[in-house]
Protein backbone atom coordinates (compact mmCIF):
# COMPACT_ATOMS: atom_id res chain seq x y z
CA MET A 1 -5.56 10.75 -12.96
CA SER A 2 -3.99 9.83 -16.14
CA GLU A 3 -1.42 12.48 -15.64
CA LEU A 4 -0.44 10.75 -12.29
CA LYS A 5 -0.26 7.23 -13.86
CA LYS A 6 2.17 8.72 -16.66
CA ARG A 7 4.30 10.02 -13.72
CA LEU A 8 4.14 6.85 -11.81
CA SER A 9 4.91 4.73 -14.94
CA SER A 10 7.83 6.93 -15.55
CA ILE A 11 9.62 6.33 -12.17
CA LEU A 12 8.71 2.46 -12.57
CA GLU A 13 10.36 2.35 -15.84
CA SER A 14 13.48 4.70 -14.96
CA PRO A 15 16.66 2.62 -15.84
CA LYS A 16 18.39 4.84 -13.27
CA HIS A 17 16.93 3.48 -10.05
CA ASN A 18 16.64 0.27 -8.22
CA THR A 19 13.53 -1.41 -7.07
CA GLU A 20 13.55 -0.01 -3.55
CA GLU A 21 14.38 3.41 -4.89
CA LYS A 22 11.66 3.08 -7.51
CA LEU A 23 9.01 2.05 -4.87
CA GLN A 24 10.05 5.04 -2.46
CA LYS A 25 9.54 7.30 -5.21
CA VAL A 26 6.17 6.17 -5.94
CA CYS A 27 5.30 6.56 -2.32
CA HIS A 28 6.66 9.97 -2.32
CA LEU A 29 4.43 11.01 -5.41
CA LEU A 30 1.34 9.45 -4.02
CA ASP A 31 1.76 11.35 -0.72
CA GLN A 32 2.26 14.57 -2.83
CA GLU A 33 -0.38 14.40 -5.08
CA ILE A 34 -3.15 12.96 -3.28
CA SER A 35 -3.88 15.27 -0.06
CA TYR A 36 -5.61 12.25 1.86
CA PHE A 37 -2.72 9.89 1.40
CA ASN A 38 -1.11 10.28 4.91
CA TRP A 39 0.85 7.40 5.02
CA THR A 40 1.75 5.44 2.00
CA GLY A 41 3.80 2.33 2.26
CA PHE A 42 4.65 -1.34 0.67
CA TYR A 43 4.62 -4.56 2.84
CA PHE A 44 6.03 -8.02 1.09
CA LYS A 45 5.88 -11.43 2.20
CA ASN A 46 8.87 -12.28 4.33
CA GLY A 47 10.69 -15.00 2.56
CA ASP A 48 8.61 -18.38 3.24
CA LYS A 49 7.25 -16.96 6.40
CA ASN A 50 3.41 -16.39 6.95
CA GLU A 51 3.96 -12.70 7.72
CA LEU A 52 4.67 -9.33 5.96
CA LYS A 53 7.65 -7.04 6.07
CA LEU A 54 7.59 -3.45 5.76
CA GLY A 55 9.08 -2.07 2.66
CA PRO A 56 9.59 1.44 1.16
CA TYR A 57 7.04 4.21 2.80
CA VAL A 58 6.45 7.80 3.30
CA GLY A 59 4.84 8.80 6.54
CA ALA A 60 5.17 8.53 10.16
CA GLU A 61 7.29 5.93 11.61
CA THR A 62 5.66 2.73 12.29
CA ASP A 63 6.12 -0.03 14.97
CA HIS A 64 4.64 -2.40 12.48
CA THR A 65 7.84 -3.70 10.59
CA ILE A 66 6.46 -7.25 10.84
CA ILE A 67 2.94 -8.18 10.63
CA PRO A 68 1.59 -11.68 10.86
CA TYR A 69 -0.74 -13.08 8.37
CA GLY A 70 -4.49 -12.46 9.48
CA LYS A 71 -3.49 -9.72 11.72
CA GLY A 72 -4.78 -6.15 11.12
CA ILE A 73 -6.09 -5.02 7.62
CA CYS A 74 -2.70 -5.69 5.90
CA GLY A 75 -2.55 -9.31 7.42
CA GLN A 76 -6.06 -9.94 6.41
CA VAL A 77 -5.34 -8.92 2.74
CA ALA A 78 -2.38 -11.36 2.82
CA VAL A 79 -4.94 -14.01 3.61
CA SER A 80 -7.88 -12.90 1.55
CA ASN A 81 -5.89 -11.93 -1.50
CA GLU A 82 -8.82 -9.19 -2.07
CA THR A 83 -8.34 -5.34 -1.76
CA PHE A 84 -9.71 -4.10 1.42
CA VAL A 85 -11.05 -0.42 1.82
CA VAL A 86 -11.71 0.69 5.60
CA PRO A 87 -13.85 3.86 5.46
CA ASP A 88 -13.64 4.00 9.29
CA VAL A 89 -10.88 2.21 11.18
CA HIS A 90 -12.48 2.60 14.46
CA LEU A 91 -15.59 0.33 13.34
CA GLN A 92 -13.01 -2.62 12.64
CA ASP A 93 -12.27 -5.29 15.26
CA ASN A 94 -9.08 -6.60 13.76
CA TYR A 95 -7.21 -3.46 13.11
CA LEU A 96 -3.52 -2.54 14.06
CA SER A 97 -3.42 1.15 14.75
CA CYS A 98 -0.43 2.84 13.44
CA SER A 99 -1.41 6.22 14.30
CA ILE A 100 -4.05 7.86 16.54
CA ASP A 101 -4.52 10.32 13.61
CA THR A 102 -5.54 7.40 11.02
CA LYS A 103 -9.11 7.31 10.19
CA ALA A 104 -9.50 5.29 7.06
CA GLU A 105 -6.98 2.74 5.34
CA ILE A 106 -7.13 0.92 1.80
CA VAL A 107 -4.81 -2.14 1.15
CA VAL A 108 -4.26 -3.46 -2.18
CA PRO A 109 -2.53 -6.65 -2.85
CA ILE A 110 0.44 -7.30 -5.50
CA PHE A 111 0.28 -10.46 -7.23
CA LYS A 112 3.46 -12.05 -9.12
CA ASN A 113 2.69 -15.30 -11.28
CA GLY A 114 -0.61 -15.60 -9.54
CA GLU A 115 0.77 -15.30 -5.81
CA ASN A 116 0.27 -12.68 -3.50
CA ILE A 117 3.73 -11.29 -2.73
CA GLY A 118 2.83 -7.81 -1.33
CA GLN A 119 0.68 -4.90 -1.17
CA ILE A 120 0.35 -1.25 -0.90
CA ASP A 121 -1.13 0.31 2.30
CA ILE A 122 -2.52 3.89 2.49
CA ASP A 123 -3.70 5.57 5.67
CA SER A 124 -5.66 8.57 5.72
CA HIS A 125 -6.43 11.05 8.49
CA THR A 126 -9.83 11.75 6.71
CA LEU A 127 -13.13 9.50 7.13
CA ASP A 128 -14.08 7.47 4.21
CA PRO A 129 -11.95 9.49 1.62
CA PHE A 130 -10.98 6.73 -0.75
CA THR A 131 -12.79 7.06 -4.09
CA LYS A 132 -13.61 4.54 -7.17
CA GLU A 133 -10.57 6.37 -9.02
CA ASP A 134 -8.35 5.82 -6.03
CA LEU A 135 -9.24 2.18 -6.24
CA GLU A 136 -8.65 2.10 -9.86
CA LEU A 137 -5.34 3.80 -9.48
CA LEU A 138 -3.78 1.73 -7.06
CA GLU A 139 -4.90 -1.75 -8.54
CA TRP A 140 -3.47 -0.53 -11.92
CA LEU A 141 -0.23 0.73 -9.70
CA CYS A 142 0.03 -2.96 -7.99
CA LYS A 143 -0.13 -4.39 -11.56
CA GLU A 144 2.58 -2.27 -12.68
CA VAL A 145 4.81 -2.73 -9.43
CA SER A 146 4.63 -6.54 -9.96
CA LYS A 147 6.26 -6.22 -13.39
CA ILE A 148 9.47 -4.74 -11.58
CA LEU A 149 9.72 -7.39 -8.98
């Protein structure tokens, strides 16, 4: 995991790429390195609206380019300000299905100056795949991402 953190840090610190490109590269690296990360993307607060707007991502195309606060796992994290790990999405009442293949999801908020400004969202085609190490990596990553926003 520390090797992966080094590679992620080097992407985020790269002077050659703009923020959007860096986030896209982060998505690609996570997708390549963690086999059960099957859709990896960022959502960000859409201006002053109570909704999230899709940012860079890797995976199947999604219809969920705008997500109202409170709707689905991402929308709930926008309101709760807390990481949400869903071992089995089929057991969730408030879930927005992006793909019939998705079985689990993890969403970690990104804070800047104490404000929830976005999140990383990861879907998996595997039931209950996310580990404590995944959670720690993603929480670390979101802190690092906030520094470039």
